[in-house]
């Protein structure tokens, strides 16, 4: 883990983490790393860009319907000409490639379920 500054518990409580369901995935033109996701977070569908192309780019269609953990209250940011409205959380997998953090079971979680 990096040696980032410690945050307070109150800082942690500011994070709005929840389960999102991927509804579509597309390539970002002229990008070797980015994919553009539509993610249902329960109350709305968000566009989220993330650097997952090397991990999932060959199988993007299989990601539709997959549950992921989303940081929903991150400020929107323009990335590669599109607005990204959150962040899909990931861990570093083999070969330093990002892999999704997902609920252990999808039987009891749905879009918008709180992560705590």
PDB file of N, CA and C in Angstrom:
ATOM      1  N   UNK A   1       0.839  -1.175   0.000  1.00  0.00           N
ATOM      2  CA  UNK A   1       0.000   0.000   0.000  1.00  0.00           C
ATOM      3  C   UNK A   1       0.883   1.236   0.000  1.00  0.00           C
ATOM      4  N   UNK A   2       0.351   2.280  -0.567  1.00  0.00           N
ATOM      5  CA  UNK A   2       1.082   3.553  -0.599  1.00  0.00           C
ATOM      6  C   UNK A   2       1.048   4.210   0.772  1.00  0.00           C
ATOM      7  N   UNK A   3       1.948   5.105   0.984  1.00  0.00           N
ATOM      8  CA  UNK A   3       1.998   5.847   2.242  1.00  0.00           C
ATOM      9  C   UNK A   3       1.226   7.150   2.106  1.00  0.00           C
ATOM     10  N   UNK A   4      -0.051   7.040   1.838  1.00  0.00           N
ATOM     11  CA  UNK A   4      -0.892   8.230   1.710  1.00  0.00           C
ATOM     12  C   UNK A   4      -1.267   8.720   3.100  1.00  0.00           C
ATOM     13  N   UNK A   5      -1.601  10.009   3.210  1.00  0.00           N
ATOM     14  CA  UNK A   5      -1.959  10.532   4.528  1.00  0.00           C
ATOM     15  C   UNK A   5      -3.207   9.846   5.081  1.00  0.00           C
ATOM     16  N   UNK A   6      -3.229   9.672   6.387  1.00  0.00           N
ATOM     17  CA  UNK A   6      -4.399   9.090   7.037  1.00  0.00           C
ATOM     18  C   UNK A   6      -5.567  10.060   6.941  1.00  0.00           C
ATOM     19  N   UNK A   7      -6.768   9.486   6.829  1.00  0.00           N
ATOM     20  CA  UNK A   7      -7.972  10.301   6.854  1.00  0.00           C
ATOM     21  C   UNK A   7      -8.723   9.975   8.137  1.00  0.00           C
ATOM     22  N   UNK A   8      -9.601  10.855   8.518  1.00  0.00           N
ATOM     23  CA  UNK A   8     -10.401  10.617   9.716  1.00  0.00           C
ATOM     24  C   UNK A   8     -11.597   9.740   9.357  1.00  0.00           C
ATOM     25  N   UNK A   9     -12.217   9.199  10.375  1.00  0.00           N
ATOM     26  CA  UNK A   9     -13.435   8.419  10.166  1.00  0.00           C
ATOM     27  C   UNK A   9     -14.503   9.294   9.519  1.00  0.00           C
ATOM     28  N   UNK A  10     -14.574  10.555   9.946  1.00  0.00           N
ATOM     29  CA  UNK A  10     -15.540  11.481   9.343  1.00  0.00           C
ATOM     30  C   UNK A  10     -15.262  11.679   7.856  1.00  0.00           C
ATOM     31  N   UNK A  11     -13.975  11.713   7.462  1.00  0.00           N
ATOM     32  CA  UNK A  11     -13.639  11.799   6.036  1.00  0.00           C
ATOM     33  C   UNK A  11     -14.154  10.564   5.294  1.00  0.00           C
ATOM     34  N   UNK A  12     -13.963   9.391   5.883  1.00  0.00           N
ATOM     35  CA  UNK A  12     -14.435   8.159   5.259  1.00  0.00           C
ATOM     36  C   UNK A  12     -15.951   8.184   5.068  1.00  0.00           C
ATOM     37  N   UNK A  13     -16.666   8.705   6.056  1.00  0.00           N
ATOM     38  CA  UNK A  13     -18.128   8.747   5.970  1.00  0.00           C
ATOM     39  C   UNK A  13     -18.623   9.640   4.835  1.00  0.00           C
ATOM     40  N   UNK A  14     -17.775  10.508   4.324  1.00  0.00           N
ATOM     41  CA  UNK A  14     -18.151  11.366   3.196  1.00  0.00           C
ATOM     42  C   UNK A  14     -18.219  10.597   1.881  1.00  0.00           C
ATOM     43  N   UNK A  15     -17.577   9.428   1.824  1.00  0.00           N
ATOM     44  CA  UNK A  15     -17.558   8.644   0.590  1.00  0.00           C
ATOM     45  C   UNK A  15     -18.892   7.936   0.404  1.00  0.00           C
ATOM     46  N   UNK A  16     -19.477   8.099  -0.777  1.00  0.00           N
ATOM     47  CA  UNK A  16     -20.717   7.397  -1.100  1.00  0.00           C
ATOM     48  C   UNK A  16     -20.357   6.198  -1.979  1.00  0.00           C
ATOM     49  N   UNK A  17     -20.200   5.055  -1.316  1.00  0.00           N
ATOM     50  CA  UNK A  17     -19.832   3.819  -1.997  1.00  0.00           C
ATOM     51  C   UNK A  17     -21.067   2.949  -2.130  1.00  0.00           C
ATOM     52  N   UNK A  18     -21.264   2.394  -3.303  1.00  0.00           N
ATOM     53  CA  UNK A  18     -22.428   1.552  -3.513  1.00  0.00           C
ATOM     54  C   UNK A  18     -22.214   0.562  -4.636  1.00  0.00           C
ATOM     55  N   UNK A  19     -23.184  -0.318  -4.773  1.00  0.00           N
ATOM     56  CA  UNK A  19     -23.155  -1.311  -5.840  1.00  0.00           C
ATOM     57  C   UNK A  19     -23.766  -0.698  -7.091  1.00  0.00           C
ATOM     58  N   UNK A  20     -23.067  -0.872  -8.193  1.00  0.00           N
ATOM     59  CA  UNK A  20     -23.582  -0.470  -9.489  1.00  0.00           C
ATOM     60  C   UNK A  20     -23.651  -1.681 -10.399  1.00  0.00           C
ATOM     61  N   UNK A  21     -24.538  -1.620 -11.382  1.00  0.00           N
ATOM     62  CA  UNK A  21     -24.657  -2.695 -12.362  1.00  0.00           C
ATOM     63  C   UNK A  21     -24.304  -2.122 -13.728  1.00  0.00           C
ATOM     64  N   UNK A  22     -23.335  -2.726 -14.385  1.00  0.00           N
ATOM     65  CA  UNK A  22     -22.902  -2.259 -15.703  1.00  0.00           C
ATOM     66  C   UNK A  22     -24.000  -2.561 -16.715  1.00  0.00           C
ATOM     67  N   UNK A  23     -24.454  -1.524 -17.433  1.00  0.00           N
ATOM     68  CA  UNK A  23     -25.509  -1.704 -18.434  1.00  0.00           C
ATOM     69  C   UNK A  23     -24.977  -1.639 -19.859  1.00  0.00           C
ATOM     70  N   UNK A  24     -23.819  -1.008 -20.057  1.00  0.00           N
ATOM     71  CA  UNK A  24     -23.179  -1.016 -21.379  1.00  0.00           C
ATOM     72  C   UNK A  24     -21.710  -0.654 -21.227  1.00  0.00           C
ATOM     73  N   UNK A  25     -20.916  -1.085 -22.201  1.00  0.00           N
ATOM     74  CA  UNK A  25     -19.476  -0.808 -22.218  1.00  0.00           C
ATOM     75  C   UNK A  25     -19.085  -0.515 -23.652  1.00  0.00           C
ATOM     76  N   UNK A  26     -18.262   0.527 -23.832  1.00  0.00           N
ATOM     77  CA  UNK A  26     -17.750   0.817 -25.172  1.00  0.00           C
ATOM     78  C   UNK A  26     -16.318   1.322 -25.086  1.00  0.00           C
ATOM     79  N   UNK A  27     -15.623   1.200 -26.189  1.00  0.00           N
ATOM     80  CA  UNK A  27     -14.264   1.723 -26.270  1.00  0.00           C
ATOM     81  C   UNK A  27     -14.289   3.244 -26.277  1.00  0.00           C
ATOM     82  N   UNK A  28     -13.241   3.845 -25.764  1.00  0.00           N
ATOM     83  CA  UNK A  28     -13.037   5.288 -25.859  1.00  0.00           C
ATOM     84  C   UNK A  28     -12.103   5.507 -27.045  1.00  0.00           C
ATOM     85  N   UNK A  29     -12.558   6.264 -28.052  1.00  0.00           N
ATOM     86  CA  UNK A  29     -11.720   6.468 -29.243  1.00  0.00           C
ATOM     87  C   UNK A  29     -10.337   7.010 -28.879  1.00  0.00           C
ATOM     88  N   UNK A  30      -9.336   6.512 -29.566  1.00  0.00           N
ATOM     89  CA  UNK A  30      -7.949   6.964 -29.418  1.00  0.00           C
ATOM     90  C   UNK A  30      -7.362   6.721 -28.028  1.00  0.00           C
ATOM     91  N   UNK A  31      -7.924   5.787 -27.264  1.00  0.00           N
ATOM     92  CA  UNK A  31      -7.378   5.476 -25.941  1.00  0.00           C
ATOM     93  C   UNK A  31      -6.983   4.006 -25.884  1.00  0.00           C
ATOM     94  N   UNK A  32      -5.778   3.754 -25.387  1.00  0.00           N
ATOM     95  CA  UNK A  32      -5.308   2.376 -25.218  1.00  0.00           C
ATOM     96  C   UNK A  32      -5.733   1.787 -23.877  1.00  0.00           C
ATOM     97  N   UNK A  33      -6.174   2.631 -22.944  1.00  0.00           N
ATOM     98  CA  UNK A  33      -6.470   2.162 -21.589  1.00  0.00           C
ATOM     99  C   UNK A  33      -7.942   2.258 -21.194  1.00  0.00           C
ATOM    100  N   UNK A  34      -8.661   3.247 -21.730  1.00  0.00           N
ATOM    101  CA  UNK A  34      -9.981   3.572 -21.197  1.00  0.00           C
ATOM    102  C   UNK A  34     -11.126   2.801 -21.837  1.00  0.00           C
ATOM    103  N   UNK A  35     -12.105   2.454 -20.991  1.00  0.00           N
ATOM    104  CA  UNK A  35     -13.411   1.989 -21.428  1.00  0.00           C
ATOM    105  C   UNK A  35     -14.446   2.948 -20.859  1.00  0.00           C
ATOM    106  N   UNK A  36     -15.559   3.090 -21.570  1.00  0.00           N
ATOM    107  CA  UNK A  36     -16.654   3.957 -21.141  1.00  0.00           C
ATOM    108  C   UNK A  36     -17.818   3.057 -20.724  1.00  0.00           C
ATOM    109  N   UNK A  37     -18.203   3.164 -19.455  1.00  0.00           N
ATOM    110  CA  UNK A  37     -19.251   2.332 -18.885  1.00  0.00           C
ATOM    111  C   UNK A  37     -20.506   3.154 -18.633  1.00  0.00           C
ATOM    112  N   UNK A  38     -21.667   2.555 -18.836  1.00  0.00           N
ATOM    113  CA  UNK A  38     -22.914   3.055 -18.275  1.00  0.00           C
ATOM    114  C   UNK A  38     -23.195   2.150 -17.086  1.00  0.00           C
ATOM    115  N   UNK A  39     -23.423   2.771 -15.923  1.00  0.00           N
ATOM    116  CA  UNK A  39     -23.576   2.002 -14.686  1.00  0.00           C
ATOM    117  C   UNK A  39     -24.848   2.450 -13.970  1.00  0.00           C
ATOM    118  N   UNK A  40     -25.747   1.510 -13.725  1.00  0.00           N
ATOM    119  CA  UNK A  40     -26.969   1.761 -12.964  1.00  0.00           C
ATOM    120  C   UNK A  40     -26.596   1.743 -11.488  1.00  0.00           C
ATOM    121  N   UNK A  41     -26.785   2.889 -10.811  1.00  0.00           N
ATOM    122  CA  UNK A  41     -26.457   2.958  -9.381  1.00  0.00           C
ATOM    123  C   UNK A  41     -27.719   2.996  -8.514  1.00  0.00           C
ATOM    124  N   UNK A  42     -28.839   2.580  -9.091  1.00  0.00           N
ATOM    125  CA  UNK A  42     -30.091   2.518  -8.339  1.00  0.00           C
ATOM    126  C   UNK A  42     -30.974   3.709  -8.591  1.00  0.00           C
ATOM    127  N   UNK A  43     -30.480   4.904  -8.295  1.00  0.00           N
ATOM    128  CA  UNK A  43     -31.267   6.122  -8.466  1.00  0.00           C
ATOM    129  C   UNK A  43     -31.134   6.713  -9.864  1.00  0.00           C
ATOM    130  N   UNK A  44     -30.102   6.317 -10.592  1.00  0.00           N
ATOM    131  CA  UNK A  44     -29.845   6.842 -11.934  1.00  0.00           C
ATOM    132  C   UNK A  44     -28.768   5.996 -12.605  1.00  0.00           C
ATOM    133  N   UNK A  45     -28.562   6.262 -13.888  1.00  0.00           N
ATOM    134  CA  UNK A  45     -27.479   5.623 -14.628  1.00  0.00           C
ATOM    135  C   UNK A  45     -26.384   6.648 -14.848  1.00  0.00           C
ATOM    136  N   UNK A  46     -25.152   6.270 -14.544  1.00  0.00           N
ATOM    137  CA  UNK A  46     -24.003   7.169 -14.667  1.00  0.00           C
ATOM    138  C   UNK A  46     -23.072   6.700 -15.772  1.00  0.00           C
ATOM    139  N   UNK A  47     -22.397   7.662 -16.397  1.00  0.00           N
ATOM    140  CA  UNK A  47     -21.302   7.371 -17.314  1.00  0.00           C
ATOM    141  C   UNK A  47     -20.018   7.427 -16.503  1.00  0.00           C
ATOM    142  N   UNK A  48     -19.238   6.358 -16.549  1.00  0.00           N
ATOM    143  CA  UNK A  48     -17.980   6.294 -15.806  1.00  0.00           C
ATOM    144  C   UNK A  48     -16.899   5.773 -16.738  1.00  0.00           C
ATOM    145  N   UNK A  49     -15.806   6.520 -16.839  1.00  0.00           N
ATOM    146  CA  UNK A  49     -14.661   6.076 -17.616  1.00  0.00           C
ATOM    147  C   UNK A  49     -13.637   5.467 -16.672  1.00  0.00           C
ATOM    148  N   UNK A  50     -13.014   4.390 -17.119  1.00  0.00           N
ATOM    149  CA  UNK A  50     -12.010   3.743 -16.285  1.00  0.00           C
ATOM    150  C   UNK A  50     -10.967   3.036 -17.118  1.00  0.00           C
ATOM    151  N   UNK A  51      -9.785   2.886 -16.566  1.00  0.00           N
ATOM    152  CA  UNK A  51      -8.645   2.295 -17.265  1.00  0.00           C
ATOM    153  C   UNK A  51      -8.643   0.776 -17.220  1.00  0.00           C
ATOM    154  N   UNK A  52      -9.671   0.169 -17.775  1.00  0.00           N
ATOM    155  CA  UNK A  52      -9.841  -1.281 -17.717  1.00  0.00           C
ATOM    156  C   UNK A  52      -9.690  -1.973 -19.069  1.00  0.00           C
ATOM    157  N   UNK A  53      -9.285  -1.255 -20.104  1.00  0.00           N
ATOM    158  CA  UNK A  53      -9.269  -1.843 -21.449  1.00  0.00           C
ATOM    159  C   UNK A  53      -8.325  -3.037 -21.555  1.00  0.00           C
ATOM    160  N   UNK A  54      -7.151  -2.957 -20.937  1.00  0.00           N
ATOM    161  CA  UNK A  54      -6.194  -4.068 -21.038  1.00  0.00           C
ATOM    162  C   UNK A  54      -6.696  -5.300 -20.292  1.00  0.00           C
ATOM    163  N   UNK A  55      -7.486  -5.103 -19.255  1.00  0.00           N
ATOM    164  CA  UNK A  55      -8.013  -6.225 -18.484  1.00  0.00           C
ATOM    165  C   UNK A  55      -9.245  -6.837 -19.140  1.00  0.00           C
ATOM    166  N   UNK A  56     -10.192  -5.984 -19.556  1.00  0.00           N
ATOM    167  CA  UNK A  56     -11.496  -6.472 -19.991  1.00  0.00           C
ATOM    168  C   UNK A  56     -11.851  -6.138 -21.439  1.00  0.00           C
ATOM    169  N   UNK A  57     -10.982  -5.427 -22.158  1.00  0.00           N
ATOM    170  CA  UNK A  57     -11.317  -4.933 -23.493  1.00  0.00           C
ATOM    171  C   UNK A  57     -11.710  -5.995 -24.493  1.00  0.00           C
ATOM    172  N   UNK A  58     -11.128  -7.195 -24.388  1.00  0.00           N
ATOM    173  CA  UNK A  58     -11.471  -8.266 -25.325  1.00  0.00           C
ATOM    174  C   UNK A  58     -12.795  -8.939 -24.986  1.00  0.00           C
ATOM    175  N   UNK A  59     -13.310  -8.686 -23.796  1.00  0.00           N
ATOM    176  CA  UNK A  59     -14.549  -9.334 -23.335  1.00  0.00           C
ATOM    177  C   UNK A  59     -15.562  -8.321 -22.822  1.00  0.00           C
ATOM    178  N   UNK A  60     -15.575  -7.116 -23.393  1.00  0.00           N
ATOM    179  CA  UNK A  60     -16.427  -6.067 -22.821  1.00  0.00           C
ATOM    180  C   UNK A  60     -17.898  -6.438 -22.777  1.00  0.00           C
ATOM    181  N   UNK A  61     -18.387  -7.153 -23.784  1.00  0.00           N
ATOM    182  CA  UNK A  61     -19.809  -7.502 -23.814  1.00  0.00           C
ATOM    183  C   UNK A  61     -20.194  -8.369 -22.614  1.00  0.00           C
ATOM    184  N   UNK A  62     -19.254  -9.171 -22.126  1.00  0.00           N
ATOM    185  CA  UNK A  62     -19.543 -10.050 -20.988  1.00  0.00           C
ATOM    186  C   UNK A  62     -19.665  -9.278 -19.675  1.00  0.00           C
ATOM    187  N   UNK A  63     -19.289  -8.006 -19.676  1.00  0.00           N
ATOM    188  CA  UNK A  63     -19.361  -7.200 -18.454  1.00  0.00           C
ATOM    189  C   UNK A  63     -20.764  -6.668 -18.187  1.00  0.00           C
ATOM    190  N   UNK A  64     -21.616  -6.637 -19.207  1.00  0.00           N
ATOM    191  CA  UNK A  64     -22.979  -6.131 -19.036  1.00  0.00           C
ATOM    192  C   UNK A  64     -23.712  -7.022 -18.033  1.00  0.00           C
ATOM    193  N   UNK A  65     -24.304  -6.384 -17.024  1.00  0.00           N
ATOM    194  CA  UNK A  65     -24.999  -7.094 -15.958  1.00  0.00           C
ATOM    195  C   UNK A  65     -24.133  -7.367 -14.740  1.00  0.00           C
ATOM    196  N   UNK A  66     -22.862  -7.098 -14.846  1.00  0.00           N
ATOM    197  CA  UNK A  66     -21.937  -7.365 -13.739  1.00  0.00           C
ATOM    198  C   UNK A  66     -22.062  -6.288 -12.665  1.00  0.00           C
ATOM    199  N   UNK A  67     -22.012  -6.703 -11.407  1.00  0.00           N
ATOM    200  CA  UNK A  67     -22.039  -5.764 -10.292  1.00  0.00           C
ATOM    201  C   UNK A  67     -20.622  -5.320  -9.959  1.00  0.00           C
ATOM    202  N   UNK A  68     -20.475  -4.020  -9.693  1.00  0.00           N
ATOM    203  CA  UNK A  68     -19.193  -3.431  -9.326  1.00  0.00           C
ATOM    204  C   UNK A  68     -19.409  -2.472  -8.165  1.00  0.00           C
ATOM    205  N   UNK A  69     -18.329  -2.118  -7.490  1.00  0.00           N
ATOM    206  CA  UNK A  69     -18.397  -1.125  -6.419  1.00  0.00           C
ATOM    207  C   UNK A  69     -18.041   0.230  -7.016  1.00  0.00           C
ATOM    208  N   UNK A  70     -18.889   1.228  -6.738  1.00  0.00           N
ATOM    209  CA  UNK A  70     -18.758   2.551  -7.342  1.00  0.00           C
ATOM    210  C   UNK A  70     -18.620   3.616  -6.257  1.00  0.00           C
ATOM    211  N   UNK A  71     -17.706   4.558  -6.484  1.00  0.00           N
ATOM    212  CA  UNK A  71     -17.650   5.784  -5.695  1.00  0.00           C
ATOM    213  C   UNK A  71     -18.538   6.779  -6.426  1.00  0.00           C
ATOM    214  N   UNK A  72     -19.714   7.053  -5.856  1.00  0.00           N
ATOM    215  CA  UNK A  72     -20.740   7.810  -6.573  1.00  0.00           C
ATOM    216  C   UNK A  72     -20.652   9.316  -6.370  1.00  0.00           C
ATOM    217  N   UNK A  73     -20.031   9.771  -5.297  1.00  0.00           N
ATOM    218  CA  UNK A  73     -20.024  11.214  -5.057  1.00  0.00           C
ATOM    219  C   UNK A  73     -18.684  11.866  -5.379  1.00  0.00           C
ATOM    220  N   UNK A  74     -17.936  11.267  -6.285  1.00  0.00           N
ATOM    221  CA  UNK A  74     -16.727  11.893  -6.807  1.00  0.00           C
ATOM    222  C   UNK A  74     -17.145  12.974  -7.795  1.00  0.00           C
ATOM    223  N   UNK A  75     -16.498  14.122  -7.740  1.00  0.00           N
ATOM    224  CA  UNK A  75     -16.824  15.189  -8.690  1.00  0.00           C
ATOM    225  C   UNK A  75     -16.665  14.692 -10.116  1.00  0.00           C
ATOM    226  N   UNK A  76     -17.598  15.091 -10.987  1.00  0.00           N
ATOM    227  CA  UNK A  76     -17.495  14.739 -12.404  1.00  0.00           C
ATOM    228  C   UNK A  76     -16.243  15.364 -12.987  1.00  0.00           C
ATOM    229  N   UNK A  77     -15.652  14.653 -13.955  1.00  0.00           N
ATOM    230  CA  UNK A  77     -14.418  15.129 -14.563  1.00  0.00           C
ATOM    231  C   UNK A  77     -14.416  14.748 -16.030  1.00  0.00           C
ATOM    232  N   UNK A  78     -13.974  15.679 -16.878  1.00  0.00           N
ATOM    233  CA  UNK A  78     -13.851  15.370 -18.293  1.00  0.00           C
ATOM    234  C   UNK A  78     -12.576  14.567 -18.523  1.00  0.00           C
ATOM    235  N   UNK A  79     -12.746  13.420 -19.150  1.00  0.00           N
ATOM    236  CA  UNK A  79     -11.631  12.539 -19.474  1.00  0.00           C
ATOM    237  C   UNK A  79     -11.791  12.118 -20.931  1.00  0.00           C
ATOM    238  N   UNK A  80     -10.787  12.369 -21.730  1.00  0.00           N
ATOM    239  CA  UNK A  80     -10.779  11.949 -23.141  1.00  0.00           C
ATOM    240  C   UNK A  80     -12.041  12.393 -23.875  1.00  0.00           C
ATOM    241  N   UNK A  81     -12.512  13.596 -23.563  1.00  0.00           N
ATOM    242  CA  UNK A  81     -13.649  14.164 -24.272  1.00  0.00           C
ATOM    243  C   UNK A  81     -15.016  13.752 -23.755  1.00  0.00           C
ATOM    244  N   UNK A  82     -15.079  12.957 -22.686  1.00  0.00           N
ATOM    245  CA  UNK A  82     -16.354  12.548 -22.092  1.00  0.00           C
ATOM    246  C   UNK A  82     -16.336  12.867 -20.606  1.00  0.00           C
ATOM    247  N   UNK A  83     -17.521  13.119 -20.059  1.00  0.00           N
ATOM    248  CA  UNK A  83     -17.623  13.359 -18.623  1.00  0.00           C
ATOM    249  C   UNK A  83     -17.738  12.027 -17.889  1.00  0.00           C
ATOM    250  N   UNK A  84     -16.883  11.843 -16.889  1.00  0.00           N
ATOM    251  CA  UNK A  84     -16.943  10.672 -16.029  1.00  0.00           C
ATOM    252  C   UNK A  84     -17.602  11.102 -14.727  1.00  0.00           C
ATOM    253  N   UNK A  85     -18.633  10.348 -14.309  1.00  0.00           N
ATOM    254  CA  UNK A  85     -19.476  10.749 -13.185  1.00  0.00           C
ATOM    255  C   UNK A  85     -19.340   9.815 -11.985  1.00  0.00           C
ATOM    256  N   UNK A  86     -18.133   9.383 -11.711  1.00  0.00           N
ATOM    257  CA  UNK A  86     -17.883   8.495 -10.587  1.00  0.00           C
ATOM    258  C   UNK A  86     -16.631   7.690 -10.842  1.00  0.00           C
ATOM    259  N   UNK A  87     -16.444   6.649 -10.035  1.00  0.00           N
ATOM    260  CA  UNK A  87     -15.277   5.783 -10.203  1.00  0.00           C
ATOM    261  C   UNK A  87     -15.667   4.350  -9.858  1.00  0.00           C
ATOM    262  N   UNK A  88     -15.266   3.426 -10.720  1.00  0.00           N
ATOM    263  CA  UNK A  88     -15.418   2.008 -10.428  1.00  0.00           C
ATOM    264  C   UNK A  88     -14.167   1.585  -9.663  1.00  0.00           C
ATOM    265  N   UNK A  89     -14.356   1.002  -8.478  1.00  0.00           N
ATOM    266  CA  UNK A  89     -13.218   0.623  -7.646  1.00  0.00           C
ATOM    267  C   UNK A  89     -12.596  -0.677  -8.140  1.00  0.00           C
ATOM    268  N   UNK A  90     -11.280  -0.747  -8.007  1.00  0.00           N
ATOM    269  CA  UNK A  90     -10.532  -1.894  -8.514  1.00  0.00           C
ATOM    270  C   UNK A  90      -9.361  -2.196  -7.597  1.00  0.00           C
ATOM    271  N   UNK A  91      -8.861  -3.399  -7.721  1.00  0.00           N
ATOM    272  CA  UNK A  91      -7.612  -3.818  -7.079  1.00  0.00           C
ATOM    273  C   UNK A  91      -6.620  -4.119  -8.187  1.00  0.00           C
ATOM    274  N   UNK A  92      -5.350  -4.165  -7.834  1.00  0.00           N
ATOM    275  CA  UNK A  92      -4.329  -4.501  -8.815  1.00  0.00           C
ATOM    276  C   UNK A  92      -4.215  -6.014  -8.896  1.00  0.00           C
ATOM    277  N   UNK A  93      -4.417  -6.533 -10.100  1.00  0.00           N
ATOM    278  CA  UNK A  93      -4.340  -7.972 -10.308  1.00  0.00           C
ATOM    279  C   UNK A  93      -3.008  -8.374 -10.917  1.00  0.00           C
ATOM    280  N   UNK A  94      -3.007  -9.528 -11.558  1.00  0.00           N
ATOM    281  CA  UNK A  94      -1.806 -10.023 -12.230  1.00  0.00           C
ATOM    282  C   UNK A  94      -1.300  -9.004 -13.234  1.00  0.00           C
ATOM    283  N   UNK A  95      -0.002  -8.927 -13.375  1.00  0.00           N
ATOM    284  CA  UNK A  95       0.637  -8.033 -14.343  1.00  0.00           C
ATOM    285  C   UNK A  95       0.264  -6.565 -14.106  1.00  0.00           C
ATOM    286  N   UNK A  96      -0.086  -6.233 -12.852  1.00  0.00           N
ATOM    287  CA  UNK A  96      -0.423  -4.856 -12.474  1.00  0.00           C
ATOM    288  C   UNK A  96      -1.675  -4.333 -13.175  1.00  0.00           C
ATOM    289  N   UNK A  97      -2.547  -5.224 -13.665  1.00  0.00           N
ATOM    290  CA  UNK A  97      -3.776  -4.804 -14.333  1.00  0.00           C
ATOM    291  C   UNK A  97      -4.898  -4.664 -13.315  1.00  0.00           C
ATOM    292  N   UNK A  98      -5.766  -3.646 -13.480  1.00  0.00           N
ATOM    293  CA  UNK A  98      -6.860  -3.453 -12.530  1.00  0.00           C
ATOM    294  C   UNK A  98      -7.958  -4.499 -12.721  1.00  0.00           C
ATOM    295  N   UNK A  99      -8.488  -4.997 -11.602  1.00  0.00           N
ATOM    296  CA  UNK A  99      -9.632  -5.900 -11.638  1.00  0.00           C
ATOM    297  C   UNK A  99     -10.726  -5.320 -10.749  1.00  0.00           C
ATOM    298  N   UNK A 100     -11.982  -5.504 -11.161  1.00  0.00           N
ATOM    299  CA  UNK A 100     -13.116  -4.948 -10.425  1.00  0.00           C
ATOM    300  C   UNK A 100     -13.195  -5.502  -9.007  1.00  0.00           C
ATOM    301  N   UNK A 101     -13.613  -4.648  -8.081  1.00  0.00           N
ATOM    302  CA  UNK A 101     -14.063  -5.099  -6.771  1.00  0.00           C
ATOM    303  C   UNK A 101     -15.550  -5.380  -6.927  1.00  0.00           C
ATOM    304  N   UNK A 102     -15.982  -6.562  -6.512  1.00  0.00           N
ATOM    305  CA  UNK A 102     -17.374  -6.953  -6.703  1.00  0.00           C
ATOM    306  C   UNK A 102     -17.934  -7.533  -5.413  1.00  0.00           C
ATOM    307  N   UNK A 103     -19.264  -7.476  -5.234  1.00  0.00           N
ATOM    308  CA  UNK A 103     -19.858  -8.116  -4.063  1.00  0.00           C
ATOM    309  C   UNK A 103     -19.595  -9.620  -4.082  1.00  0.00           C
ATOM    310  N   UNK A 104     -19.470 -10.206  -2.903  1.00  0.00           N
ATOM    311  CA  UNK A 104     -19.222 -11.645  -2.801  1.00  0.00           C
ATOM    312  C   UNK A 104     -20.369 -12.441  -3.411  1.00  0.00           C
ATOM    313  N   UNK A 105     -21.574 -11.969  -3.204  1.00  0.00           N
ATOM    314  CA  UNK A 105     -22.748 -12.615  -3.781  1.00  0.00           C
ATOM    315  C   UNK A 105     -23.614 -11.561  -4.443  1.00  0.00           C
ATOM    316  N   UNK A 106     -24.219 -11.908  -5.540  1.00  0.00           N
ATOM    317  CA  UNK A 106     -25.123 -10.968  -6.207  1.00  0.00           C
ATOM    318  C   UNK A 106     -26.572 -11.317  -5.908  1.00  0.00           C
ATOM    319  N   UNK A 107     -26.796 -12.381  -5.129  1.00  0.00           N
ATOM    320  CA  UNK A 107     -28.161 -12.802  -4.814  1.00  0.00           C
ATOM    321  C   UNK A 107     -28.883 -11.806  -3.913  1.00  0.00           C
ATOM    322  N   UNK A 108     -28.137 -11.091  -3.091  1.00  0.00           N
ATOM    323  CA  UNK A 108     -28.765 -10.230  -2.091  1.00  0.00           C
ATOM    324  C   UNK A 108     -28.407  -8.759  -2.254  1.00  0.00           C
ATOM    325  N   UNK A 109     -27.738  -8.422  -3.341  1.00  0.00           N
ATOM    326  CA  UNK A 109     -27.402  -7.023  -3.593  1.00  0.00           C
ATOM    327  C   UNK A 109     -28.018  -6.596  -4.911  1.00  0.00           C
ATOM    328  N   UNK A 110     -28.292  -5.305  -5.008  1.00  0.00           N
ATOM    329  CA  UNK A 110     -28.855  -4.762  -6.241  1.00  0.00           C
ATOM    330  C   UNK A 110     -28.243  -3.391  -6.472  1.00  0.00           C
ATOM    331  N   UNK A 111     -28.502  -2.824  -7.621  1.00  0.00           N
ATOM    332  CA  UNK A 111     -27.988  -1.490  -7.930  1.00  0.00           C
ATOM    333  C   UNK A 111     -28.422  -0.514  -6.850  1.00  0.00           C
ATOM    334  N   UNK A 112     -27.465   0.231  -6.329  1.00  0.00           N
ATOM    335  CA  UNK A 112     -27.744   1.215  -5.296  1.00  0.00           C
ATOM    336  C   UNK A 112     -27.534   0.711  -3.880  1.00  0.00           C
ATOM    337  N   UNK A 113     -27.270  -0.590  -3.701  1.00  0.00           N
ATOM    338  CA  UNK A 113     -26.995  -1.102  -2.352  1.00  0.00           C
ATOM    339  C   UNK A 113     -25.771  -0.395  -1.782  1.00  0.00           C
ATOM    340  N   UNK A 114     -25.871   0.015  -0.528  1.00  0.00           N
ATOM    341  CA  UNK A 114     -24.773   0.733   0.120  1.00  0.00           C
ATOM    342  C   UNK A 114     -23.614  -0.209   0.431  1.00  0.00           C
ATOM    343  N   UNK A 115     -22.408   0.277   0.212  1.00  0.00           N
ATOM    344  CA  UNK A 115     -21.196  -0.425   0.620  1.00  0.00           C
ATOM    345  C   UNK A 115     -20.674   0.296   1.848  1.00  0.00           C
ATOM    346  N   UNK A 116     -20.419  -0.446   2.923  1.00  0.00           N
ATOM    347  CA  UNK A 116     -19.937   0.186   4.152  1.00  0.00           C
ATOM    348  C   UNK A 116     -18.919  -0.661   4.836  1.00  0.00           C
TER     349      UNK A 116
END
